[in-house]
Amino acid sequence: LGQTDSSDFLFGVSTTYNRIVHRDYAMVKAWARW
């Protein structure tokens, strides 16, 4: 995990504040995995 240079990528996500903070920022923790 993290060994690959992924600097070619730019992603865009549309969401809400409530979805971001749901279950102690579970979504942010999932994004951090990739």
PDB file of all heavy atoms in Angstrom:
ATOM      1  N   LEU A   1       0.823  -1.196   0.000  1.00  0.00           N
ATOM      2  CA  LEU A   1       0.000   0.000   0.000  1.00  0.00           C
ATOM      3  C   LEU A   1       0.863   1.255   0.000  1.00  0.00           C
ATOM      4  O   LEU A   1       1.761   1.417   0.826  1.00  0.00           O
ATOM      5  CB  LEU A   1      -0.901   0.002   1.238  1.00  0.00           C
ATOM      6  CG  LEU A   1      -2.127   0.916   1.177  1.00  0.00           C
ATOM      7  CD1 LEU A   1      -3.112   0.425   0.129  1.00  0.00           C
ATOM      8  CD2 LEU A   1      -2.810   0.961   2.541  1.00  0.00           C
ATOM      9  N   GLY A   2       0.615   2.138  -0.981  1.00  0.00           N
ATOM     10  CA  GLY A   2       1.325   3.400  -1.047  1.00  0.00           C
ATOM     11  C   GLY A   2       2.631   3.367  -1.804  1.00  0.00           C
ATOM     12  O   GLY A   2       3.286   4.399  -1.962  1.00  0.00           O
ATOM     13  N   GLN A   3       3.051   2.191  -2.291  1.00  0.00           N
ATOM     14  CA  GLN A   3       4.314   2.111  -3.019  1.00  0.00           C
ATOM     15  C   GLN A   3       4.207   2.668  -4.435  1.00  0.00           C
ATOM     16  O   GLN A   3       5.201   3.066  -5.023  1.00  0.00           O
ATOM     17  CB  GLN A   3       4.800   0.655  -3.086  1.00  0.00           C
ATOM     18  CG  GLN A   3       5.495   0.173  -1.828  1.00  0.00           C
ATOM     19  CD  GLN A   3       6.163  -1.172  -2.038  1.00  0.00           C
ATOM     20  OE1 GLN A   3       5.837  -1.902  -2.971  1.00  0.00           O
ATOM     21  NE2 GLN A   3       7.091  -1.515  -1.176  1.00  0.00           N
ATOM     22  N   THR A   4       2.993   2.667  -4.999  1.00  0.00           N
ATOM     23  CA  THR A   4       2.800   3.122  -6.369  1.00  0.00           C
ATOM     24  C   THR A   4       2.656   4.641  -6.428  1.00  0.00           C
ATOM     25  O   THR A   4       1.887   5.232  -5.658  1.00  0.00           O
ATOM     26  CB  THR A   4       1.543   2.471  -6.979  1.00  0.00           C
ATOM     27  OG1 THR A   4       1.683   1.053  -6.944  1.00  0.00           O
ATOM     28  CG2 THR A   4       1.348   2.919  -8.414  1.00  0.00           C
ATOM     29  N   ASP A   5       3.388   5.265  -7.337  1.00  0.00           N
ATOM     30  CA  ASP A   5       3.236   6.701  -7.560  1.00  0.00           C
ATOM     31  C   ASP A   5       1.927   6.930  -8.323  1.00  0.00           C
ATOM     32  O   ASP A   5       1.788   6.550  -9.476  1.00  0.00           O
ATOM     33  CB  ASP A   5       4.419   7.239  -8.366  1.00  0.00           C
ATOM     34  CG  ASP A   5       4.326   8.739  -8.618  1.00  0.00           C
ATOM     35  OD1 ASP A   5       3.362   9.371  -8.139  1.00  0.00           O
ATOM     36  OD2 ASP A   5       5.204   9.276  -9.317  1.00  0.00           O
ATOM     37  N   SER A   6       0.960   7.533  -7.662  1.00  0.00           N
ATOM     38  CA  SER A   6      -0.375   7.738  -8.245  1.00  0.00           C
ATOM     39  C   SER A   6      -0.624   9.194  -8.600  1.00  0.00           C
ATOM     40  O   SER A   6      -1.777   9.646  -8.649  1.00  0.00           O
ATOM     41  CB  SER A   6      -1.450   7.241  -7.265  1.00  0.00           C
ATOM     42  OG  SER A   6      -1.278   5.875  -6.965  1.00  0.00           O
ATOM     43  N   SER A   7       0.441   9.927  -8.857  1.00  0.00           N
ATOM     44  CA  SER A   7       0.322  11.369  -9.095  1.00  0.00           C
ATOM     45  C   SER A   7      -0.355  11.708 -10.420  1.00  0.00           C
ATOM     46  O   SER A   7      -0.661  12.878 -10.667  1.00  0.00           O
ATOM     47  CB  SER A   7       1.701  12.040  -9.032  1.00  0.00           C
ATOM     48  OG  SER A   7       2.605  11.435  -9.937  1.00  0.00           O
ATOM     49  N   ASP A   8      -0.620  10.716 -11.288  1.00  0.00           N
ATOM     50  CA  ASP A   8      -1.349  10.969 -12.531  1.00  0.00           C
ATOM     51  C   ASP A   8      -2.831  11.237 -12.289  1.00  0.00           C
ATOM     52  O   ASP A   8      -3.526  11.738 -13.173  1.00  0.00           O
ATOM     53  CB  ASP A   8      -1.230   9.773 -13.481  1.00  0.00           C
ATOM     54  CG  ASP A   8       0.131   9.670 -14.133  1.00  0.00           C
ATOM     55  OD1 ASP A   8       0.903  10.635 -14.034  1.00  0.00           O
ATOM     56  OD2 ASP A   8       0.429   8.622 -14.727  1.00  0.00           O
ATOM     57  N   PHE A   9      -3.340  10.918 -11.097  1.00  0.00           N
ATOM     58  CA  PHE A   9      -4.783  10.911 -10.859  1.00  0.00           C
ATOM     59  C   PHE A   9      -5.257  12.138 -10.092  1.00  0.00           C
ATOM     60  O   PHE A   9      -4.647  12.553  -9.100  1.00  0.00           O
ATOM     61  CB  PHE A   9      -5.183   9.663 -10.066  1.00  0.00           C
ATOM     62  CG  PHE A   9      -5.017   8.373 -10.812  1.00  0.00           C
ATOM     63  CD1 PHE A   9      -3.977   7.507 -10.512  1.00  0.00           C
ATOM     64  CD2 PHE A   9      -5.907   8.018 -11.810  1.00  0.00           C
ATOM     65  CE1 PHE A   9      -3.824   6.308 -11.193  1.00  0.00           C
ATOM     66  CE2 PHE A   9      -5.777   6.823 -12.499  1.00  0.00           C
ATOM     67  CZ  PHE A   9      -4.732   5.974 -12.198  1.00  0.00           C
ATOM     68  N   LEU A  10      -6.386  12.692 -10.557  1.00  0.00           N
ATOM     69  CA  LEU A  10      -7.139  13.705  -9.826  1.00  0.00           C
ATOM     70  C   LEU A  10      -8.601  13.263  -9.820  1.00  0.00           C
ATOM     71  O   LEU A  10      -9.202  13.087 -10.877  1.00  0.00           O
ATOM     72  CB  LEU A  10      -7.004  15.079 -10.484  1.00  0.00           C
ATOM     73  CG  LEU A  10      -7.900  16.197  -9.936  1.00  0.00           C
ATOM     74  CD1 LEU A  10      -7.646  16.433  -8.451  1.00  0.00           C
ATOM     75  CD2 LEU A  10      -7.705  17.491 -10.732  1.00  0.00           C
ATOM     76  N   PHE A  11      -9.171  13.059  -8.627  1.00  0.00           N
ATOM     77  CA  PHE A  11     -10.541  12.590  -8.500  1.00  0.00           C
ATOM     78  C   PHE A  11     -11.425  13.692  -7.930  1.00  0.00           C
ATOM     79  O   PHE A  11     -10.970  14.532  -7.145  1.00  0.00           O
ATOM     80  CB  PHE A  11     -10.613  11.367  -7.575  1.00  0.00           C
ATOM     81  CG  PHE A  11      -9.964  10.135  -8.130  1.00  0.00           C
ATOM     82  CD1 PHE A  11      -8.627   9.865  -7.877  1.00  0.00           C
ATOM     83  CD2 PHE A  11     -10.685   9.237  -8.895  1.00  0.00           C
ATOM     84  CE1 PHE A  11      -8.015   8.734  -8.389  1.00  0.00           C
ATOM     85  CE2 PHE A  11     -10.090   8.106  -9.412  1.00  0.00           C
ATOM     86  CZ  PHE A  11      -8.750   7.848  -9.157  1.00  0.00           C
ATOM     87  N   GLY A  12     -12.683  13.665  -8.341  1.00  0.00           N
ATOM     88  CA  GLY A  12     -13.670  14.591  -7.817  1.00  0.00           C
ATOM     89  C   GLY A  12     -14.855  13.842  -7.243  1.00  0.00           C
ATOM     90  O   GLY A  12     -15.358  12.891  -7.859  1.00  0.00           O
ATOM     91  N   VAL A  13     -15.311  14.249  -6.057  1.00  0.00           N
ATOM     92  CA  VAL A  13     -16.440  13.612  -5.378  1.00  0.00           C
ATOM     93  C   VAL A  13     -17.402  14.699  -4.911  1.00  0.00           C
ATOM     94  O   VAL A  13     -16.970  15.717  -4.358  1.00  0.00           O
ATOM     95  CB  VAL A  13     -15.975  12.791  -4.158  1.00  0.00           C
ATOM     96  CG1 VAL A  13     -17.166  12.287  -3.362  1.00  0.00           C
ATOM     97  CG2 VAL A  13     -15.105  11.619  -4.592  1.00  0.00           C
ATOM     98  N   SER A  14     -18.688  14.482  -5.136  1.00  0.00           N
ATOM     99  CA  SER A  14     -19.719  15.356  -4.583  1.00  0.00           C
ATOM    100  C   SER A  14     -20.444  14.594  -3.485  1.00  0.00           C
ATOM    101  O   SER A  14     -20.901  13.469  -3.693  1.00  0.00           O
ATOM    102  CB  SER A  14     -20.707  15.787  -5.666  1.00  0.00           C
ATOM    103  OG  SER A  14     -21.726  16.590  -5.101  1.00  0.00           O
ATOM    104  N   THR A  15     -20.529  15.191  -2.294  1.00  0.00           N
ATOM    105  CA  THR A  15     -21.153  14.506  -1.166  1.00  0.00           C
ATOM    106  C   THR A  15     -21.714  15.548  -0.206  1.00  0.00           C
ATOM    107  O   THR A  15     -21.829  16.731  -0.550  1.00  0.00           O
ATOM    108  CB  THR A  15     -20.135  13.576  -0.471  1.00  0.00           C
ATOM    109  OG1 THR A  15     -20.809  12.800   0.530  1.00  0.00           O
ATOM    110  CG2 THR A  15     -18.989  14.357   0.146  1.00  0.00           C
ATOM    111  N   THR A  16     -22.071  15.128   0.993  1.00  0.00           N
ATOM    112  CA  THR A  16     -22.606  16.040   2.000  1.00  0.00           C
ATOM    113  C   THR A  16     -21.780  15.940   3.270  1.00  0.00           C
ATOM    114  O   THR A  16     -21.087  14.953   3.516  1.00  0.00           O
ATOM    115  CB  THR A  16     -24.070  15.702   2.334  1.00  0.00           C
ATOM    116  OG1 THR A  16     -24.122  14.413   2.972  1.00  0.00           O
ATOM    117  CG2 THR A  16     -24.936  15.681   1.076  1.00  0.00           C
ATOM    118  N   TYR A  17     -21.887  16.968   4.087  1.00  0.00           N
ATOM    119  CA  TYR A  17     -21.177  16.969   5.363  1.00  0.00           C
ATOM    120  C   TYR A  17     -21.631  15.799   6.225  1.00  0.00           C
ATOM    121  O   TYR A  17     -20.799  15.112   6.850  1.00  0.00           O
ATOM    122  CB  TYR A  17     -21.427  18.292   6.089  1.00  0.00           C
ATOM    123  CG  TYR A  17     -20.903  18.315   7.510  1.00  0.00           C
ATOM    124  CD1 TYR A  17     -19.549  18.523   7.772  1.00  0.00           C
ATOM    125  CD2 TYR A  17     -21.772  18.125   8.595  1.00  0.00           C
ATOM    126  CE1 TYR A  17     -19.072  18.525   9.078  1.00  0.00           C
ATOM    127  CE2 TYR A  17     -21.304  18.141   9.899  1.00  0.00           C
ATOM    128  CZ  TYR A  17     -19.952  18.332  10.129  1.00  0.00           C
ATOM    129  OH  TYR A  17     -19.473  18.330  11.423  1.00  0.00           O
ATOM    130  N   ASN A  18     -22.935  15.532   6.270  1.00  0.00           N
ATOM    131  CA  ASN A  18     -23.446  14.447   7.112  1.00  0.00           C
ATOM    132  C   ASN A  18     -22.902  13.097   6.690  1.00  0.00           C
ATOM    133  O   ASN A  18     -22.614  12.247   7.541  1.00  0.00           O
ATOM    134  CB  ASN A  18     -24.977  14.439   7.102  1.00  0.00           C
ATOM    135  CG  ASN A  18     -25.570  15.605   7.872  1.00  0.00           C
ATOM    136  OD1 ASN A  18     -24.919  16.174   8.752  1.00  0.00           O
ATOM    137  ND2 ASN A  18     -26.806  15.982   7.544  1.00  0.00           N
ATOM    138  N   ARG A  19     -22.765  12.865   5.392  1.00  0.00           N
ATOM    139  CA  ARG A  19     -22.219  11.586   4.933  1.00  0.00           C
ATOM    140  C   ARG A  19     -20.728  11.480   5.270  1.00  0.00           C
ATOM    141  O   ARG A  19     -20.237  10.399   5.578  1.00  0.00           O
ATOM    142  CB  ARG A  19     -22.444  11.419   3.420  1.00  0.00           C
ATOM    143  CG  ARG A  19     -23.876  11.041   3.064  1.00  0.00           C
ATOM    144  CD  ARG A  19     -24.051  10.796   1.575  1.00  0.00           C
ATOM    145  NE  ARG A  19     -23.220   9.723   1.065  1.00  0.00           N
ATOM    146  CZ  ARG A  19     -23.501   8.421   1.157  1.00  0.00           C
ATOM    147  NH1 ARG A  19     -24.594   8.033   1.796  1.00  0.00           N
ATOM    148  NH2 ARG A  19     -22.703   7.522   0.631  1.00  0.00           N
ATOM    149  N   ILE A  20     -20.032  12.579   5.223  1.00  0.00           N
ATOM    150  CA  ILE A  20     -18.609  12.561   5.548  1.00  0.00           C
ATOM    151  C   ILE A  20     -18.378  12.167   7.010  1.00  0.00           C
ATOM    152  O   ILE A  20     -17.511  11.354   7.329  1.00  0.00           O
ATOM    153  CB  ILE A  20     -17.968  13.943   5.278  1.00  0.00           C
ATOM    154  CG1 ILE A  20     -17.845  14.186   3.771  1.00  0.00           C
ATOM    155  CG2 ILE A  20     -16.603  14.061   5.947  1.00  0.00           C
ATOM    156  CD1 ILE A  20     -16.640  13.561   3.130  1.00  0.00           C
ATOM    157  N   VAL A  21     -19.146  12.756   7.931  1.00  0.00           N
ATOM    158  CA  VAL A  21     -18.902  12.533   9.359  1.00  0.00           C
ATOM    159  C   VAL A  21     -19.582  11.279   9.885  1.00  0.00           C
ATOM    160  O   VAL A  21     -19.344  10.886  11.028  1.00  0.00           O
ATOM    161  CB  VAL A  21     -19.361  13.758  10.187  1.00  0.00           C
ATOM    162  CG1 VAL A  21     -18.635  15.012   9.729  1.00  0.00           C
ATOM    163  CG2 VAL A  21     -20.875  13.954  10.110  1.00  0.00           C
ATOM    164  N   HIS A  22     -20.417  10.625   9.084  1.00  0.00           N
ATOM    165  CA  HIS A  22     -21.160   9.441   9.535  1.00  0.00           C
ATOM    166  C   HIS A  22     -20.201   8.341   9.993  1.00  0.00           C
ATOM    167  O   HIS A  22     -19.171   8.088   9.364  1.00  0.00           O
ATOM    168  CB  HIS A  22     -22.053   8.937   8.394  1.00  0.00           C
ATOM    169  CG  HIS A  22     -22.881   7.741   8.744  1.00  0.00           C
ATOM    170  ND1 HIS A  22     -23.798   7.743   9.763  1.00  0.00           N
ATOM    171  CD2 HIS A  22     -22.916   6.482   8.211  1.00  0.00           C
ATOM    172  CE1 HIS A  22     -24.382   6.562   9.850  1.00  0.00           C
ATOM    173  NE2 HIS A  22     -23.857   5.787   8.922  1.00  0.00           N
ATOM    174  N   ARG A  23     -20.534   7.707  11.090  1.00  0.00           N
ATOM    175  CA  ARG A  23     -19.758   6.599  11.670  1.00  0.00           C
ATOM    176  C   ARG A  23     -18.286   6.977  11.859  1.00  0.00           C
ATOM    177  O   ARG A  23     -17.378   6.265  11.442  1.00  0.00           O
ATOM    178  CB  ARG A  23     -19.877   5.331  10.822  1.00  0.00           C
ATOM    179  CG  ARG A  23     -21.261   4.701  10.886  1.00  0.00           C
ATOM    180  CD  ARG A  23     -21.289   3.271  10.421  1.00  0.00           C
ATOM    181  NE  ARG A  23     -20.843   3.104   9.050  1.00  0.00           N
ATOM    182  CZ  ARG A  23     -19.761   2.432   8.687  1.00  0.00           C
ATOM    183  NH1 ARG A  23     -18.978   1.882   9.582  1.00  0.00           N
ATOM    184  NH2 ARG A  23     -19.450   2.320   7.410  1.00  0.00           N
ATOM    185  N   ASP A  24     -18.085   8.125  12.500  1.00  0.00           N
ATOM    186  CA  ASP A  24     -16.740   8.558  12.862  1.00  0.00           C
ATOM    187  C   ASP A  24     -15.832   8.652  11.641  1.00  0.00           C
ATOM    188  O   ASP A  24     -14.727   8.110  11.617  1.00  0.00           O
ATOM    189  CB  ASP A  24     -16.145   7.603  13.907  1.00  0.00           C
ATOM    190  CG  ASP A  24     -14.862   8.151  14.525  1.00  0.00           C
ATOM    191  OD1 ASP A  24     -14.681   9.379  14.527  1.00  0.00           O
ATOM    192  OD2 ASP A  24     -14.050   7.324  14.972  1.00  0.00           O
ATOM    193  N   TYR A  25     -16.305   9.331  10.622  1.00  0.00           N
ATOM    194  CA  TYR A  25     -15.530   9.591   9.402  1.00  0.00           C
ATOM    195  C   TYR A  25     -15.107   8.290   8.683  1.00  0.00           C
ATOM    196  O   TYR A  25     -14.007   8.195   8.144  1.00  0.00           O
ATOM    197  CB  TYR A  25     -14.280  10.419   9.706  1.00  0.00           C
ATOM    198  CG  TYR A  25     -14.563  11.831  10.148  1.00  0.00           C
ATOM    199  CD1 TYR A  25     -14.623  12.148  11.497  1.00  0.00           C
ATOM    200  CD2 TYR A  25     -14.780  12.845   9.228  1.00  0.00           C
ATOM    201  CE1 TYR A  25     -14.883  13.446  11.922  1.00  0.00           C
ATOM    202  CE2 TYR A  25     -15.034  14.150   9.637  1.00  0.00           C
ATOM    203  CZ  TYR A  25     -15.090  14.432  10.987  1.00  0.00           C
ATOM    204  OH  TYR A  25     -15.353  15.713  11.388  1.00  0.00           O
ATOM    205  N   ALA A  26     -16.011   7.304   8.659  1.00  0.00           N
ATOM    206  CA  ALA A  26     -15.682   6.028   8.006  1.00  0.00           C
ATOM    207  C   ALA A  26     -15.341   6.232   6.535  1.00  0.00           C
ATOM    208  O   ALA A  26     -14.472   5.552   5.989  1.00  0.00           O
ATOM    209  CB  ALA A  26     -16.850   5.053   8.146  1.00  0.00           C
ATOM    210  N   MET A  27     -16.030   7.185   5.880  1.00  0.00           N
ATOM    211  CA  MET A  27     -15.775   7.432   4.463  1.00  0.00           C
ATOM    212  C   MET A  27     -14.360   7.972   4.247  1.00  0.00           C
ATOM    213  O   MET A  27     -13.659   7.558   3.313  1.00  0.00           O
ATOM    214  CB  MET A  27     -16.806   8.411   3.920  1.00  0.00           C
ATOM    215  CG  MET A  27     -16.745   8.658   2.423  1.00  0.00           C
ATOM    216  SD  MET A  27     -18.016   9.837   1.908  1.00  0.00           S
ATOM    217  CE  MET A  27     -19.508   8.927   2.311  1.00  0.00           C
ATOM    218  N   VAL A  28     -13.922   8.880   5.116  1.00  0.00           N
ATOM    219  CA  VAL A  28     -12.575   9.434   5.004  1.00  0.00           C
ATOM    220  C   VAL A  28     -11.536   8.339   5.220  1.00  0.00           C
ATOM    221  O   VAL A  28     -10.513   8.274   4.518  1.00  0.00           O
ATOM    222  CB  VAL A  28     -12.370  10.572   6.016  1.00  0.00           C
ATOM    223  CG1 VAL A  28     -10.920  11.039   6.036  1.00  0.00           C
ATOM    224  CG2 VAL A  28     -13.298  11.737   5.687  1.00  0.00           C
ATOM    225  N   LYS A  29     -11.794   7.452   6.177  1.00  0.00           N
ATOM    226  CA  LYS A  29     -10.869   6.342   6.430  1.00  0.00           C
ATOM    227  C   LYS A  29     -10.782   5.425   5.216  1.00  0.00           C
ATOM    228  O   LYS A  29      -9.709   4.896   4.897  1.00  0.00           O
ATOM    229  CB  LYS A  29     -11.316   5.567   7.665  1.00  0.00           C
ATOM    230  CG  LYS A  29     -11.241   6.388   8.952  1.00  0.00           C
ATOM    231  CD  LYS A  29     -11.870   5.647  10.130  1.00  0.00           C
ATOM    232  CE  LYS A  29     -11.873   6.521  11.385  1.00  0.00           C
ATOM    233  NZ  LYS A  29     -12.568   5.866  12.525  1.00  0.00           N
ATOM    234  N   ALA A  30     -11.919   5.225   4.530  1.00  0.00           N
ATOM    235  CA  ALA A  30     -11.900   4.403   3.316  1.00  0.00           C
ATOM    236  C   ALA A  30     -11.114   5.099   2.205  1.00  0.00           C
ATOM    237  O   ALA A  30     -10.318   4.462   1.509  1.00  0.00           O
ATOM    238  CB  ALA A  30     -13.330   4.116   2.862  1.00  0.00           C
ATOM    239  N   TRP A  31     -11.318   6.409   2.033  1.00  0.00           N
ATOM    240  CA  TRP A  31     -10.562   7.143   1.014  1.00  0.00           C
ATOM    241  C   TRP A  31      -9.061   7.078   1.298  1.00  0.00           C
ATOM    242  O   TRP A  31      -8.249   6.975   0.380  1.00  0.00           O
ATOM    243  CB  TRP A  31     -11.009   8.600   0.975  1.00  0.00           C
ATOM    244  CG  TRP A  31     -12.378   8.810   0.423  1.00  0.00           C
ATOM    245  CD1 TRP A  31     -13.143   7.897  -0.258  1.00  0.00           C
ATOM    246  CD2 TRP A  31     -13.164   9.997   0.504  1.00  0.00           C
ATOM    247  NE1 TRP A  31     -14.351   8.456  -0.599  1.00  0.00           N
ATOM    248  CE2 TRP A  31     -14.395   9.733  -0.143  1.00  0.00           C
ATOM    249  CE3 TRP A  31     -12.954  11.254   1.071  1.00  0.00           C
ATOM    250  CZ2 TRP A  31     -15.396  10.691  -0.247  1.00  0.00           C
ATOM    251  CZ3 TRP A  31     -13.953  12.216   0.971  1.00  0.00           C
ATOM    252  CH2 TRP A  31     -15.166  11.933   0.316  1.00  0.00           C
ATOM    253  N   ALA A  32      -8.692   7.138   2.574  1.00  0.00           N
ATOM    254  CA  ALA A  32      -7.273   7.116   2.930  1.00  0.00           C
ATOM    255  C   ALA A  32      -6.611   5.807   2.513  1.00  0.00           C
ATOM    256  O   ALA A  32      -5.393   5.770   2.291  1.00  0.00           O
ATOM    257  CB  ALA A  32      -7.105   7.328   4.440  1.00  0.00           C
ATOM    258  N   ARG A  33      -7.394   4.737   2.366  1.00  0.00           N
ATOM    259  CA  ARG A  33      -6.825   3.453   1.943  1.00  0.00           C
ATOM    260  C   ARG A  33      -6.309   3.528   0.505  1.00  0.00           C
ATOM    261  O   ARG A  33      -5.412   2.762   0.134  1.00  0.00           O
ATOM    262  CB  ARG A  33      -7.872   2.336   2.038  1.00  0.00           C
ATOM    263  CG  ARG A  33      -8.378   2.012   3.413  1.00  0.00           C
ATOM    264  CD  ARG A  33      -7.327   1.453   4.321  1.00  0.00           C
ATOM    265  NE  ARG A  33      -6.704   0.244   3.797  1.00  0.00           N
ATOM    266  CZ  ARG A  33      -5.680  -0.370   4.366  1.00  0.00           C
ATOM    267  NH1 ARG A  33      -5.139   0.118   5.475  1.00  0.00           N
ATOM    268  NH2 ARG A  33      -5.167  -1.458   3.846  1.00  0.00           N
ATOM    269  N   TRP A  34      -6.880   4.412  -0.337  1.00  0.00           N
ATOM    270  CA  TRP A  34      -6.404   4.463  -1.723  1.00  0.00           C
ATOM    271  C   TRP A  34      -5.849   5.821  -2.129  1.00  0.00           C
ATOM    272  O   TRP A  34      -5.406   6.002  -3.273  1.00  0.00           O
ATOM    273  CB  TRP A  34      -7.466   3.988  -2.721  1.00  0.00           C
ATOM    274  CG  TRP A  34      -8.822   4.613  -2.671  1.00  0.00           C
ATOM    275  CD1 TRP A  34      -9.821   4.370  -1.785  1.00  0.00           C
ATOM    276  CD2 TRP A  34      -9.377   5.556  -3.605  1.00  0.00           C
ATOM    277  NE1 TRP A  34     -10.943   5.112  -2.081  1.00  0.00           N
ATOM    278  CE2 TRP A  34     -10.704   5.845  -3.208  1.00  0.00           C
ATOM    279  CE3 TRP A  34      -8.884   6.177  -4.745  1.00  0.00           C
ATOM    280  CZ2 TRP A  34     -11.535   6.715  -3.893  1.00  0.00           C
ATOM    281  CZ3 TRP A  34      -9.725   7.056  -5.432  1.00  0.00           C
ATOM    282  CH2 TRP A  34     -11.020   7.303  -5.004  1.00  0.00           C
TER     283      TRP A  34
END
